[in-house]
Protein backbone atom coordinates (compact mmCIF):
# COMPACT_ATOMS: atom_id res chain seq x y z
CA MET A 1 12.33 43.11 50.53
CA ASN A 2 14.77 45.37 48.94
CA ILE A 3 14.84 46.66 45.33
CA ASN A 4 17.62 44.21 44.37
CA GLY A 5 15.52 41.15 45.46
CA ALA A 6 12.42 42.51 43.74
CA SER A 7 14.29 43.04 40.50
CA ARG A 8 15.61 39.48 40.64
CA ILE A 9 12.12 38.07 41.20
CA SER A 10 10.76 40.24 38.39
CA GLY A 11 13.61 39.18 36.12
CA ALA A 12 12.96 35.44 36.89
CA ILE A 13 9.20 35.84 36.21
CA LEU A 14 9.96 37.62 32.93
CA ALA A 15 12.44 34.91 31.84
CA VAL A 16 9.76 32.13 32.60
CA ALA A 17 7.19 34.07 30.61
CA ILE A 18 9.45 34.50 27.57
CA ALA A 19 10.49 30.79 27.70
CA SER A 20 6.91 29.58 27.86
CA GLY A 21 5.90 31.92 25.10
CA ALA A 22 8.68 30.68 22.83
CA THR A 23 7.66 27.05 23.46
CA CYS A 24 4.09 27.72 22.37
CA ALA A 25 5.28 29.67 19.34
CA ASN A 26 7.49 26.77 18.15
CA ALA A 27 4.66 24.26 18.61
CA GLN A 28 2.35 26.10 16.17
CA THR A 29 2.22 26.14 12.45
CA ARG A 30 1.62 29.13 10.18
CA TRP A 31 -2.12 28.82 10.72
CA GLY A 32 -1.98 28.56 14.50
CA THR A 33 -2.58 24.80 14.91
CA PRO A 34 -0.12 22.62 16.77
CA ALA A 35 2.51 21.06 14.48
CA ASP A 36 1.82 17.51 15.66
CA THR A 37 -1.86 17.83 14.64
CA ALA A 38 -0.88 18.87 11.11
CA ALA A 39 1.40 15.76 10.86
CA HIS A 40 -1.41 13.59 12.12
CA ILE A 41 -3.72 14.86 9.37
CA VAL A 42 -1.24 13.83 6.72
CA ALA A 43 -0.78 10.33 8.19
CA VAL A 44 -4.51 9.56 8.16
CA SER A 45 -5.37 6.59 5.88
CA THR A 46 -8.08 6.99 3.26
CA SER A 47 -8.51 3.12 3.13
CA PRO A 48 -11.57 1.62 4.85
CA PRO A 49 -10.80 0.23 8.29
CA GLY A 50 -9.34 -3.30 8.17
CA SER A 51 -8.23 -3.08 4.56
CA ARG A 52 -4.72 -3.14 3.26
CA ALA A 53 -3.03 -0.62 0.93
CA ASP A 54 -3.39 -1.44 -2.74
CA THR A 55 0.39 -1.35 -3.23
CA ASP A 56 0.81 -3.99 -0.45
CA VAL A 57 -1.84 -6.18 -2.07
CA ILE A 58 -0.24 -5.88 -5.49
CA ARG A 59 3.15 -6.75 -4.10
CA ASP A 60 1.84 -9.83 -2.27
CA VAL A 61 -0.09 -11.05 -5.30
CA ARG A 62 3.07 -10.83 -7.41
CA ARG A 63 4.91 -12.86 -4.73
CA ALA A 64 2.16 -15.46 -4.71
CA LEU A 65 2.32 -15.78 -8.42
CA ARG A 66 6.06 -16.35 -8.33
CA ARG A 67 5.60 -19.11 -5.74
CA VAL A 68 3.46 -21.15 -8.11
CA PRO A 69 5.66 -23.86 -9.65
CA GLU A 70 6.35 -23.44 -13.40
CA MET A 71 4.26 -20.22 -13.53
CA ASP A 72 5.32 -17.68 -16.12
CA ASP A 73 4.19 -14.36 -14.62
CA SER A 74 6.40 -12.19 -16.88
CA ASP A 75 3.40 -10.81 -18.83
CA ILE A 76 0.86 -10.67 -16.05
CA HIS A 77 -0.23 -7.18 -14.97
CA ILE A 78 -1.79 -6.70 -11.53
CA ARG A 79 -4.09 -3.85 -10.46
CA ALA A 80 -5.80 -3.53 -7.10
CA ARG A 81 -8.44 -1.21 -5.85
CA LEU A 82 -9.94 -1.56 -2.35
CA GLY A 83 -9.30 -5.30 -2.35
CA VAL A 84 -10.49 -6.03 -5.89
CA VAL A 85 -7.55 -7.43 -7.84
CA THR A 86 -7.53 -7.40 -11.62
CA LEU A 87 -5.19 -9.70 -13.56
CA THR A 88 -4.53 -8.83 -17.22
CA GLY A 89 -2.01 -9.97 -19.74
CA THR A 90 -1.07 -13.30 -21.23
CA VAL A 91 0.31 -16.69 -20.13
CA PRO A 92 1.94 -19.40 -22.22
CA GLU A 93 -0.22 -22.28 -20.95
CA SER A 94 -3.98 -22.39 -20.23
CA TRP A 95 -3.63 -24.00 -16.77
CA GLN A 96 -1.79 -20.88 -15.67
CA ILE A 97 -4.92 -18.73 -16.07
CA SER A 98 -6.83 -20.42 -13.31
CA ARG A 99 -3.78 -21.09 -11.17
CA ALA A 100 -2.95 -17.29 -11.19
CA GLY A 101 -6.53 -16.46 -10.13
CA ASN A 102 -6.41 -19.01 -7.34
CA ALA A 103 -3.03 -17.70 -6.08
CA ALA A 104 -4.34 -14.11 -6.08
CA ARG A 105 -7.47 -15.12 -4.12
CA ARG A 106 -5.40 -16.50 -1.26
CA VAL A 107 -3.57 -13.16 -0.60
CA LEU A 108 -4.52 -11.33 2.54
CA GLY A 109 -6.69 -8.28 1.73
CA VAL A 110 -7.99 -9.60 -1.55
CA LYS A 111 -11.81 -9.55 -1.65
CA SER A 112 -12.32 -10.65 -5.21
CA VAL A 113 -10.31 -11.32 -8.38
CA ARG A 114 -11.15 -10.32 -11.95
CA ASN A 115 -9.18 -12.77 -14.03
CA ARG A 116 -8.77 -11.37 -17.55
CA LEU A 117 -5.71 -13.43 -18.52
CA THR A 118 -5.55 -14.89 -21.90
CA LEU A 119 -3.43 -17.48 -23.66
CA ARG A 120 -0.59 -16.09 -25.73
CA LYS A 121 -1.10 -16.08 -29.45
CA GLY A 122 0.88 -18.90 -31.12
CA GLU A 123 0.65 -20.81 -27.89
CA THR A 124 -2.92 -21.78 -28.68
CA ALA A 125 -1.86 -23.68 -31.78
CA ALA A 126 0.91 -25.46 -29.90
CA PHE A 127 -1.44 -26.37 -27.14
CA GLU A 128 -3.99 -27.79 -29.54
CA GLN A 129 -1.35 -29.93 -31.17
CA ARG A 130 -0.25 -31.33 -27.78
CA LEU A 131 -3.82 -32.00 -26.88
CA ALA A 132 -4.52 -33.79 -30.18
CA ALA A 133 -1.37 -35.82 -29.81
CA SER A 134 -2.28 -36.92 -26.26
CA ILE A 135 -5.85 -37.97 -27.34
CA GLY A 136 -4.85 -39.56 -30.59
């Protein structure tokens, strides 16, 4: 082999070594771990296996409340933590308290419901008057 052929082979080996070194350097983060591992760590869920995200549960409970005929959910506040849903706020009619709790219980991912809804002030007197009129 002549010097020209040997320098071509050496040049090709050097080019391959530089290219593979650049590929490894691009695949690492500042601390020397591969970039895709760092992204995977960020994407790991902190929820227990098989559970849904709290925001998804809240959204679906709100949708379930809006599907209840004649339900006024404008002053119902929903919180969720690991499948435990808490309903707070007020409703204009007493039947809406139990109906809201039942609607929330049917949502996927809800393990229990703390129903802390109350009847709106002023609505109680009107309710009592309607009740008295229907009895009397």
